[in-house]
C-alpha cells in the first residue's frame, strides 16, 4: 500500500477483508484523484494517476496471492466504489444492503461522519462474524490505534484531526 497510495494520500484507516477492503484516505490537495498524476518511485519518467496506482496495487496483490495459493482469478468483489466525505450533504440514513454488500449511509453532521466511517471500517470484521472484537483482526489499522502496534501505514497525527482516538 505504501508504494501505491502514499505518494497520493495519507491513510487514516484500512481493513482487508476476505473478499473486499476498506480505506479511509486523505487525498493530498496537489492530487486530482481522477486525472492527477505523480512519478512512480524509482521510475520518475513513468507517471500514474491515483486510480491507475490503485489498480496496480490490486493487480499486484491478486497476482501474489494467486501464485502463493496456486490459484487464478480475482480476489475481491468486482465492483468498487468510493465516497467523498466532503460530499456530506448527499448522505442520508444508516446502513443498507445492496447486491454488492453493505453500504454505509448515516444521518450525521459533517464533523461526525469521519468518526462513523473510521468505526465502520474497524468493526467490519466483527459485523462479518470473523472475530468478536476488532483487536482480534490483524488485517486492519485498529491495532495501530488501540493496541500499541506501530505500523507505518496510517497517519495517526492526521487522524486525530478527524476522529476521537
C-alpha atoms as a PDB file:
ATOM      1  CA  UNK A   1       0.000   0.000   0.000  1.00  0.00           C
ATOM      2  CA  UNK A   2       2.785   2.432   0.784  1.00  0.00           C
ATOM      3  CA  UNK A   3       4.219   2.353  -2.749  1.00  0.00           C
ATOM      4  CA  UNK A   4       0.835   2.786  -4.417  1.00  0.00           C
ATOM      5  CA  UNK A   5      -1.149   5.032  -2.048  1.00  0.00           C
ATOM      6  CA  UNK A   6       1.259   7.147  -0.011  1.00  0.00           C
ATOM      7  CA  UNK A   7       2.517   9.227  -2.949  1.00  0.00           C
ATOM      8  CA  UNK A   8      -1.079  10.461  -3.326  1.00  0.00           C
ATOM      9  CA  UNK A   9      -2.772  10.238   0.050  1.00  0.00           C
ATOM     10  CA  UNK A  10      -2.429   9.692   3.769  1.00  0.00           C
ATOM     11  CA  UNK A  11      -4.074   6.558   5.104  1.00  0.00           C
ATOM     12  CA  UNK A  12      -6.390   7.217   8.039  1.00  0.00           C
ATOM     13  CA  UNK A  13      -7.857   3.701   8.379  1.00  0.00           C
ATOM     14  CA  UNK A  14      -7.811   0.425   6.486  1.00  0.00           C
ATOM     15  CA  UNK A  15      -9.233  -3.089   6.737  1.00  0.00           C
ATOM     16  CA  UNK A  16      -8.567  -6.067   4.498  1.00  0.00           C
ATOM     17  CA  UNK A  17     -11.481  -8.493   4.420  1.00  0.00           C
ATOM     18  CA  UNK A  18     -11.605 -11.902   2.682  1.00  0.00           C
ATOM     19  CA  UNK A  19     -13.382 -10.534  -0.412  1.00  0.00           C
ATOM     20  CA  UNK A  20     -13.123  -6.738  -0.167  1.00  0.00           C
ATOM     21  CA  UNK A  21     -11.267  -3.957   1.580  1.00  0.00           C
ATOM     22  CA  UNK A  22     -11.866  -0.542   3.096  1.00  0.00           C
ATOM     23  CA  UNK A  23      -9.618   2.506   3.039  1.00  0.00           C
ATOM     24  CA  UNK A  24     -10.164   5.884   4.615  1.00  0.00           C
ATOM     25  CA  UNK A  25      -7.792   8.205   2.778  1.00  0.00           C
ATOM     26  CA  UNK A  26      -6.952  11.872   2.920  1.00  0.00           C
ATOM     27  CA  UNK A  27      -6.083  12.664  -0.701  1.00  0.00           C
ATOM     28  CA  UNK A  28      -3.476  15.394  -0.865  1.00  0.00           C
ATOM     29  CA  UNK A  29      -4.555  18.737  -2.323  1.00  0.00           C
ATOM     30  CA  UNK A  30      -1.952  18.579  -5.090  1.00  0.00           C
ATOM     31  CA  UNK A  31      -3.506  15.381  -6.469  1.00  0.00           C
ATOM     32  CA  UNK A  32      -6.608  15.148  -8.605  1.00  0.00           C
ATOM     33  CA  UNK A  33      -7.761  11.555  -7.965  1.00  0.00           C
ATOM     34  CA  UNK A  34      -9.178  11.192 -11.450  1.00  0.00           C
ATOM     35  CA  UNK A  35      -6.604  12.890 -13.623  1.00  0.00           C
ATOM     36  CA  UNK A  36      -3.729  13.989 -11.389  1.00  0.00           C
ATOM     37  CA  UNK A  37      -0.538  12.039 -11.627  1.00  0.00           C
ATOM     38  CA  UNK A  38       2.717  11.530  -9.755  1.00  0.00           C
ATOM     39  CA  UNK A  39       6.001   9.932 -10.751  1.00  0.00           C
ATOM     40  CA  UNK A  40       6.398   6.261  -9.873  1.00  0.00           C
ATOM     41  CA  UNK A  41       9.224   5.981  -7.273  1.00  0.00           C
ATOM     42  CA  UNK A  42      12.340   4.670  -8.979  1.00  0.00           C
ATOM     43  CA  UNK A  43      10.781   5.221 -12.396  1.00  0.00           C
ATOM     44  CA  UNK A  44      10.445   9.010 -12.382  1.00  0.00           C
ATOM     45  CA  UNK A  45       9.835   9.077 -16.133  1.00  0.00           C
ATOM     46  CA  UNK A  46       6.697   6.947 -15.712  1.00  0.00           C
ATOM     47  CA  UNK A  47       3.674   8.767 -14.298  1.00  0.00           C
ATOM     48  CA  UNK A  48       0.499   7.278 -12.856  1.00  0.00           C
ATOM     49  CA  UNK A  49      -2.780   8.684 -11.659  1.00  0.00           C
ATOM     50  CA  UNK A  50      -4.135   7.677  -8.256  1.00  0.00           C
ATOM     51  CA  UNK A  51      -6.727   5.485  -9.974  1.00  0.00           C
ATOM     52  CA  UNK A  52      -4.041   3.703 -12.002  1.00  0.00           C
ATOM     53  CA  UNK A  53      -1.951   3.221  -8.888  1.00  0.00           C
ATOM     54  CA  UNK A  54      -4.892   1.665  -7.015  1.00  0.00           C
ATOM     55  CA  UNK A  55      -5.429  -0.667  -9.984  1.00  0.00           C
ATOM     56  CA  UNK A  56      -1.753  -1.652  -9.908  1.00  0.00           C
ATOM     57  CA  UNK A  57      -1.963  -2.337  -6.179  1.00  0.00           C
ATOM     58  CA  UNK A  58      -4.996  -4.592  -6.602  1.00  0.00           C
ATOM     59  CA  UNK A  59      -3.441  -6.420  -9.541  1.00  0.00           C
ATOM     60  CA  UNK A  60      -0.079  -6.955  -7.810  1.00  0.00           C
ATOM     61  CA  UNK A  61      -1.702  -8.215  -4.618  1.00  0.00           C
ATOM     62  CA  UNK A  62      -4.007 -10.557  -6.518  1.00  0.00           C
ATOM     63  CA  UNK A  63      -1.115 -11.983  -8.549  1.00  0.00           C
ATOM     64  CA  UNK A  64       0.977 -12.563  -5.416  1.00  0.00           C
ATOM     65  CA  UNK A  65      -1.826 -14.327  -3.532  1.00  0.00           C
ATOM     66  CA  UNK A  66      -2.790 -16.385  -6.577  1.00  0.00           C
ATOM     67  CA  UNK A  67       0.823 -17.505  -7.017  1.00  0.00           C
ATOM     68  CA  UNK A  68       1.157 -18.330  -3.320  1.00  0.00           C
ATOM     69  CA  UNK A  69      -2.073 -20.362  -3.298  1.00  0.00           C
ATOM     70  CA  UNK A  70      -1.654 -21.831  -6.803  1.00  0.00           C
ATOM     71  CA  UNK A  71      -4.972 -20.350  -7.945  1.00  0.00           C
ATOM     72  CA  UNK A  72      -6.271 -17.880 -10.504  1.00  0.00           C
ATOM     73  CA  UNK A  73      -8.985 -15.264 -10.788  1.00  0.00           C
ATOM     74  CA  UNK A  74      -9.999 -12.205  -8.830  1.00  0.00           C
ATOM     75  CA  UNK A  75      -9.798 -11.999  -5.049  1.00  0.00           C
ATOM     76  CA  UNK A  76     -12.126  -9.083  -4.466  1.00  0.00           C
ATOM     77  CA  UNK A  77     -15.623  -8.132  -5.434  1.00  0.00           C
ATOM     78  CA  UNK A  78     -15.777  -6.935  -8.994  1.00  0.00           C
ATOM     79  CA  UNK A  79     -17.405  -3.591  -8.213  1.00  0.00           C
ATOM     80  CA  UNK A  80     -15.516  -0.833  -6.465  1.00  0.00           C
ATOM     81  CA  UNK A  81     -16.960   2.331  -5.064  1.00  0.00           C
ATOM     82  CA  UNK A  82     -15.805   5.313  -3.105  1.00  0.00           C
ATOM     83  CA  UNK A  83     -17.439   8.090  -1.162  1.00  0.00           C
ATOM     84  CA  UNK A  84     -16.075  11.585  -0.796  1.00  0.00           C
ATOM     85  CA  UNK A  85     -16.505  12.660   2.825  1.00  0.00           C
ATOM     86  CA  UNK A  86     -16.713  16.278   1.721  1.00  0.00           C
ATOM     87  CA  UNK A  87     -19.996  15.479  -0.056  1.00  0.00           C
ATOM     88  CA  UNK A  88     -21.814  15.086   3.253  1.00  0.00           C
ATOM     89  CA  UNK A  89     -24.965  16.822   2.042  1.00  0.00           C
ATOM     90  CA  UNK A  90     -25.691  13.807  -0.166  1.00  0.00           C
ATOM     91  CA  UNK A  91     -25.706  11.346   2.727  1.00  0.00           C
ATOM     92  CA  UNK A  92     -28.966  10.041   4.165  1.00  0.00           C
ATOM     93  CA  UNK A  93     -29.838   7.448   6.790  1.00  0.00           C
ATOM     94  CA  UNK A  94     -27.981   4.369   8.086  1.00  0.00           C
ATOM     95  CA  UNK A  95     -26.579   1.149   6.562  1.00  0.00           C
ATOM     96  CA  UNK A  96     -28.268  -0.519   3.649  1.00  0.00           C
ATOM     97  CA  UNK A  97     -27.639  -3.740   1.778  1.00  0.00           C
ATOM     98  CA  UNK A  98     -27.087  -3.922  -1.947  1.00  0.00           C
ATOM     99  CA  UNK A  99     -26.205  -6.775  -4.265  1.00  0.00           C
ATOM    100  CA  UNK A 100     -22.583  -5.691  -3.755  1.00  0.00           C
ATOM    101  CA  UNK A 101     -22.686  -5.775   0.061  1.00  0.00           C
ATOM    102  CA  UNK A 102     -23.466  -3.420   2.906  1.00  0.00           C
ATOM    103  CA  UNK A 103     -23.197   0.298   2.291  1.00  0.00           C
ATOM    104  CA  UNK A 104     -22.808   2.995   4.883  1.00  0.00           C
ATOM    105  CA  UNK A 105     -25.186   5.923   4.888  1.00  0.00           C
ATOM    106  CA  UNK A 106     -25.733   7.815   8.082  1.00  0.00           C
ATOM    107  CA  UNK A 107     -27.619  10.902   9.047  1.00  0.00           C
ATOM    108  CA  UNK A 108     -24.854  12.721  10.928  1.00  0.00           C
ATOM    109  CA  UNK A 109     -23.132  16.047  10.705  1.00  0.00           C
ATOM    110  CA  UNK A 110     -20.102  16.627   8.517  1.00  0.00           C
ATOM    111  CA  UNK A 111     -17.987  16.699  11.660  1.00  0.00           C
ATOM    112  CA  UNK A 112     -19.251  13.304  12.901  1.00  0.00           C
ATOM    113  CA  UNK A 113     -19.173  11.403   9.607  1.00  0.00           C
ATOM    114  CA  UNK A 114     -15.413  10.678   9.567  1.00  0.00           C
ATOM    115  CA  UNK A 115     -15.768   9.100  13.035  1.00  0.00           C
ATOM    116  CA  UNK A 116     -18.620   6.906  11.776  1.00  0.00           C
ATOM    117  CA  UNK A 117     -16.522   5.775   8.780  1.00  0.00           C
ATOM    118  CA  UNK A 118     -13.473   5.126  10.982  1.00  0.00           C
ATOM    119  CA  UNK A 119     -15.531   2.928  13.319  1.00  0.00           C
ATOM    120  CA  UNK A 120     -17.343   1.205  10.438  1.00  0.00           C
ATOM    121  CA  UNK A 121     -14.030   0.201   8.855  1.00  0.00           C
ATOM    122  CA  UNK A 122     -12.580  -1.189  12.075  1.00  0.00           C
ATOM    123  CA  UNK A 123     -15.766  -3.024  13.083  1.00  0.00           C
ATOM    124  CA  UNK A 124     -16.332  -4.647   9.684  1.00  0.00           C
ATOM    125  CA  UNK A 125     -14.683  -7.983  10.692  1.00  0.00           C
ATOM    126  CA  UNK A 126     -16.921  -8.129  13.792  1.00  0.00           C
ATOM    127  CA  UNK A 127     -20.092  -7.441  11.767  1.00  0.00           C
ATOM    128  CA  UNK A 128     -18.995 -10.144   9.303  1.00  0.00           C
ATOM    129  CA  UNK A 129     -18.695 -12.678  12.146  1.00  0.00           C
ATOM    130  CA  UNK A 130     -14.964 -13.216  11.607  1.00  0.00           C
ATOM    131  CA  UNK A 131     -13.949 -12.108  15.123  1.00  0.00           C
ATOM    132  CA  UNK A 132     -15.599 -10.989  18.362  1.00  0.00           C
ATOM    133  CA  UNK A 133     -13.576  -7.787  18.774  1.00  0.00           C
ATOM    134  CA  UNK A 134     -11.756  -5.575  16.234  1.00  0.00           C
ATOM    135  CA  UNK A 135      -8.416  -6.144  18.019  1.00  0.00           C
ATOM    136  CA  UNK A 136      -8.604  -9.838  17.055  1.00  0.00           C
ATOM    137  CA  UNK A 137      -8.473  -8.975  13.321  1.00  0.00           C
ATOM    138  CA  UNK A 138      -4.844  -8.407  12.376  1.00  0.00           C
ATOM    139  CA  UNK A 139      -5.627  -7.169   8.873  1.00  0.00           C
ATOM    140  CA  UNK A 140      -6.766  -3.674   9.823  1.00  0.00           C
ATOM    141  CA  UNK A 141      -5.397  -0.481  11.286  1.00  0.00           C
ATOM    142  CA  UNK A 142      -7.363  -0.945  14.529  1.00  0.00           C
ATOM    143  CA  UNK A 143      -4.338  -2.261  16.430  1.00  0.00           C
ATOM    144  CA  UNK A 144      -2.208   0.641  15.176  1.00  0.00           C
ATOM    145  CA  UNK A 145      -4.507   2.965  17.102  1.00  0.00           C
ATOM    146  CA  UNK A 146      -5.651   0.981  20.115  1.00  0.00           C
ATOM    147  CA  UNK A 147      -3.312  -1.942  20.815  1.00  0.00           C
ATOM    148  CA  UNK A 148       0.177  -0.485  20.553  1.00  0.00           C
ATOM    149  CA  UNK A 149       1.098  -1.874  17.131  1.00  0.00           C
ATOM    150  CA  UNK A 150       3.483   0.548  15.432  1.00  0.00           C
ATOM    151  CA  UNK A 151       2.520   0.112  11.794  1.00  0.00           C
ATOM    152  CA  UNK A 152       3.808   2.771   9.438  1.00  0.00           C
ATOM    153  CA  UNK A 153       0.879   2.970   7.002  1.00  0.00           C
ATOM    154  CA  UNK A 154      -1.532   5.152   8.953  1.00  0.00           C
ATOM    155  CA  UNK A 155      -1.032   8.828   9.684  1.00  0.00           C
ATOM    156  CA  UNK A 156      -2.027   8.956  13.363  1.00  0.00           C
ATOM    157  CA  UNK A 157      -1.489  12.706  13.673  1.00  0.00           C
ATOM    158  CA  UNK A 158      -3.777  13.489  10.751  1.00  0.00           C
ATOM    159  CA  UNK A 159      -6.365  11.013  12.056  1.00  0.00           C
ATOM    160  CA  UNK A 160      -6.566  12.986  15.327  1.00  0.00           C
ATOM    161  CA  UNK A 161      -7.939  15.924  13.325  1.00  0.00           C
ATOM    162  CA  UNK A 162     -10.939  13.849  12.191  1.00  0.00           C
ATOM    163  CA  UNK A 163     -11.643  11.161  14.773  1.00  0.00           C
ATOM    164  CA  UNK A 164     -11.656  10.721  18.527  1.00  0.00           C
ATOM    165  CA  UNK A 165      -8.817   8.400  19.423  1.00  0.00           C
END
